[in-house]
Amino acid sequence: MSGGWDITDHACRICFGRILSRGDVFRCCNCGAECRGEVEGICGCGAGVPPPKKGKRRPKGKFRCAKNPHRSAADPNEISIVPTSTLEASHGR
């Protein structure tokens, strides 16, 4: 590993900044929020979901990080936090 950070397809639930990863460490490139283990600890996918019990997976939440299909000057973020129901509707579920 080079020691650099990788860009993920997740957005920070605190400030909506992009989440970076290095091994099992996840960090917001904007506000500096950081967690270890799984990205859902600080991203929008984990918003409103309690942390999992040791050895268990985090349950699915009501929000997901997704590519922003309507990027513009008013909404320039490449990744947005959207309700899970929006993603299901757009995929015909």
C-alpha atoms as a PDB file:
ATOM      1  CA  MET A   1       0.000   0.000   0.000  1.00  0.00           C
ATOM      2  CA  SER A   2       1.371   3.422  -0.933  1.00  0.00           C
ATOM      3  CA  GLY A   3      -0.051   5.230   2.109  1.00  0.00           C
ATOM      4  CA  GLY A   4      -2.399   7.323  -0.020  1.00  0.00           C
ATOM      5  CA  TRP A   5      -6.165   7.567   0.275  1.00  0.00           C
ATOM      6  CA  ASP A   6      -8.679   6.045  -2.171  1.00  0.00           C
ATOM      7  CA  ILE A   7     -11.863   7.879  -3.147  1.00  0.00           C
ATOM      8  CA  THR A   8     -15.077   5.976  -2.361  1.00  0.00           C
ATOM      9  CA  ASP A   9     -18.594   6.349  -3.772  1.00  0.00           C
ATOM     10  CA  HIS A  10     -19.872   7.531  -0.375  1.00  0.00           C
ATOM     11  CA  ALA A  11     -20.738  10.927   1.122  1.00  0.00           C
ATOM     12  CA  CYS A  12     -20.294  12.088   4.714  1.00  0.00           C
ATOM     13  CA  ARG A  13     -23.543  12.164   6.704  1.00  0.00           C
ATOM     14  CA  ILE A  14     -22.259  15.203   8.638  1.00  0.00           C
ATOM     15  CA  CYS A  15     -21.212  17.592   5.847  1.00  0.00           C
ATOM     16  CA  PHE A  16     -21.906  15.662   2.576  1.00  0.00           C
ATOM     17  CA  GLY A  17     -18.177  15.675   1.684  1.00  0.00           C
ATOM     18  CA  ARG A  18     -16.578  12.752  -0.136  1.00  0.00           C
ATOM     19  CA  ILE A  19     -15.353   9.795   1.914  1.00  0.00           C
ATOM     20  CA  LEU A  20     -11.795   8.539   1.454  1.00  0.00           C
ATOM     21  CA  SER A  21     -10.459   5.137   2.517  1.00  0.00           C
ATOM     22  CA  ARG A  22      -7.113   3.682   3.495  1.00  0.00           C
ATOM     23  CA  GLY A  23      -7.309   0.060   4.629  1.00  0.00           C
ATOM     24  CA  ASP A  24     -10.144  -0.104   7.173  1.00  0.00           C
ATOM     25  CA  VAL A  25     -10.028   3.641   7.946  1.00  0.00           C
ATOM     26  CA  PHE A  26     -12.640   5.925   6.385  1.00  0.00           C
ATOM     27  CA  ARG A  27     -12.290   9.717   6.493  1.00  0.00           C
ATOM     28  CA  CYS A  28     -14.287  12.664   5.166  1.00  0.00           C
ATOM     29  CA  CYS A  29     -12.113  14.844   2.947  1.00  0.00           C
ATOM     30  CA  ASN A  30     -14.116  17.908   4.008  1.00  0.00           C
ATOM     31  CA  CYS A  31     -14.838  17.852   7.761  1.00  0.00           C
ATOM     32  CA  GLY A  32     -12.337  15.169   8.835  1.00  0.00           C
ATOM     33  CA  ALA A  33     -14.884  12.798  10.429  1.00  0.00           C
ATOM     34  CA  GLU A  34     -13.276   9.375  10.667  1.00  0.00           C
ATOM     35  CA  CYS A  35     -14.177   5.804  11.559  1.00  0.00           C
ATOM     36  CA  ARG A  36     -12.674   2.326  11.386  1.00  0.00           C
ATOM     37  CA  GLY A  37     -14.222  -0.871  10.139  1.00  0.00           C
ATOM     38  CA  GLU A  38     -16.989  -0.021   7.695  1.00  0.00           C
ATOM     39  CA  VAL A  39     -17.767   3.133   5.740  1.00  0.00           C
ATOM     40  CA  GLU A  40     -21.351   3.187   7.054  1.00  0.00           C
ATOM     41  CA  GLY A  41     -19.889   4.480  10.324  1.00  0.00           C
ATOM     42  CA  ILE A  42     -19.729   7.985   8.800  1.00  0.00           C
ATOM     43  CA  CYS A  43     -21.454   7.870   5.402  1.00  0.00           C
ATOM     44  CA  GLY A  44     -25.076   8.491   4.482  1.00  0.00           C
ATOM     45  CA  CYS A  45     -25.755   4.762   4.141  1.00  0.00           C
ATOM     46  CA  GLY A  46     -25.488   4.447   7.917  1.00  0.00           C
ATOM     47  CA  ALA A  47     -27.569   7.521   8.771  1.00  0.00           C
ATOM     48  CA  GLY A  48     -30.245   6.768  11.342  1.00  0.00           C
ATOM     49  CA  VAL A  49     -29.067   3.192  11.849  1.00  0.00           C
ATOM     50  CA  PRO A  50     -27.577   2.172  15.189  1.00  0.00           C
ATOM     51  CA  PRO A  51     -24.076   0.680  15.104  1.00  0.00           C
ATOM     52  CA  PRO A  52     -24.102  -3.110  14.692  1.00  0.00           C
ATOM     53  CA  LYS A  53     -23.450  -5.385  17.638  1.00  0.00           C
ATOM     54  CA  LYS A  54     -20.038  -7.001  17.651  1.00  0.00           C
ATOM     55  CA  GLY A  55     -19.793  -9.665  14.960  1.00  0.00           C
ATOM     56  CA  LYS A  56     -23.052  -8.587  13.263  1.00  0.00           C
ATOM     57  CA  ARG A  57     -23.678  -6.639  10.059  1.00  0.00           C
ATOM     58  CA  ARG A  58     -25.253  -3.204  10.106  1.00  0.00           C
ATOM     59  CA  PRO A  59     -28.953  -3.358   9.094  1.00  0.00           C
ATOM     60  CA  LYS A  60     -29.976  -1.533   5.915  1.00  0.00           C
ATOM     61  CA  GLY A  61     -30.945   2.071   6.505  1.00  0.00           C
ATOM     62  CA  LYS A  62     -33.419   4.452   4.927  1.00  0.00           C
ATOM     63  CA  PHE A  63     -30.675   6.280   3.026  1.00  0.00           C
ATOM     64  CA  ARG A  64     -27.975   5.295   0.533  1.00  0.00           C
ATOM     65  CA  CYS A  65     -25.053   7.053  -1.097  1.00  0.00           C
ATOM     66  CA  ALA A  66     -25.518   7.234  -4.860  1.00  0.00           C
ATOM     67  CA  LYS A  67     -24.092   9.022  -7.876  1.00  0.00           C
ATOM     68  CA  ASN A  68     -25.869  12.339  -8.441  1.00  0.00           C
ATOM     69  CA  PRO A  69     -27.583  12.097 -11.858  1.00  0.00           C
ATOM     70  CA  HIS A  70     -28.457  15.826 -11.879  1.00  0.00           C
ATOM     71  CA  ARG A  71     -25.126  17.544 -11.203  1.00  0.00           C
ATOM     72  CA  SER A  72     -25.249  21.290 -11.770  1.00  0.00           C
ATOM     73  CA  ALA A  73     -23.717  24.501 -10.461  1.00  0.00           C
ATOM     74  CA  ALA A  74     -26.397  24.521  -7.769  1.00  0.00           C
ATOM     75  CA  ASP A  75     -25.779  20.847  -6.845  1.00  0.00           C
ATOM     76  CA  PRO A  76     -22.185  19.981  -7.825  1.00  0.00           C
ATOM     77  CA  ASN A  77     -21.680  16.928  -5.587  1.00  0.00           C
ATOM     78  CA  GLU A  78     -20.803  13.785  -7.518  1.00  0.00           C
ATOM     79  CA  ILE A  79     -22.195  11.607  -4.702  1.00  0.00           C
ATOM     80  CA  SER A  80     -25.466  12.400  -2.891  1.00  0.00           C
ATOM     81  CA  ILE A  81     -27.326  10.851   0.024  1.00  0.00           C
ATOM     82  CA  VAL A  82     -30.765   9.778  -1.160  1.00  0.00           C
ATOM     83  CA  PRO A  83     -33.701   7.912   0.408  1.00  0.00           C
ATOM     84  CA  THR A  84     -33.544   4.181  -0.310  1.00  0.00           C
ATOM     85  CA  SER A  85     -37.100   4.376  -1.692  1.00  0.00           C
ATOM     86  CA  THR A  86     -35.839   6.754  -4.429  1.00  0.00           C
ATOM     87  CA  LEU A  87     -33.261   4.206  -5.570  1.00  0.00           C
ATOM     88  CA  GLU A  88     -35.799   1.363  -5.540  1.00  0.00           C
ATOM     89  CA  ALA A  89     -38.247   3.416  -7.647  1.00  0.00           C
ATOM     90  CA  SER A  90     -35.550   4.309 -10.188  1.00  0.00           C
ATOM     91  CA  HIS A  91     -34.608   0.619 -10.563  1.00  0.00           C
ATOM     92  CA  GLY A  92     -38.201  -0.540 -10.969  1.00  0.00           C
ATOM     93  CA  ARG A  93     -38.468  -2.361  -7.640  1.00  0.00           C
END
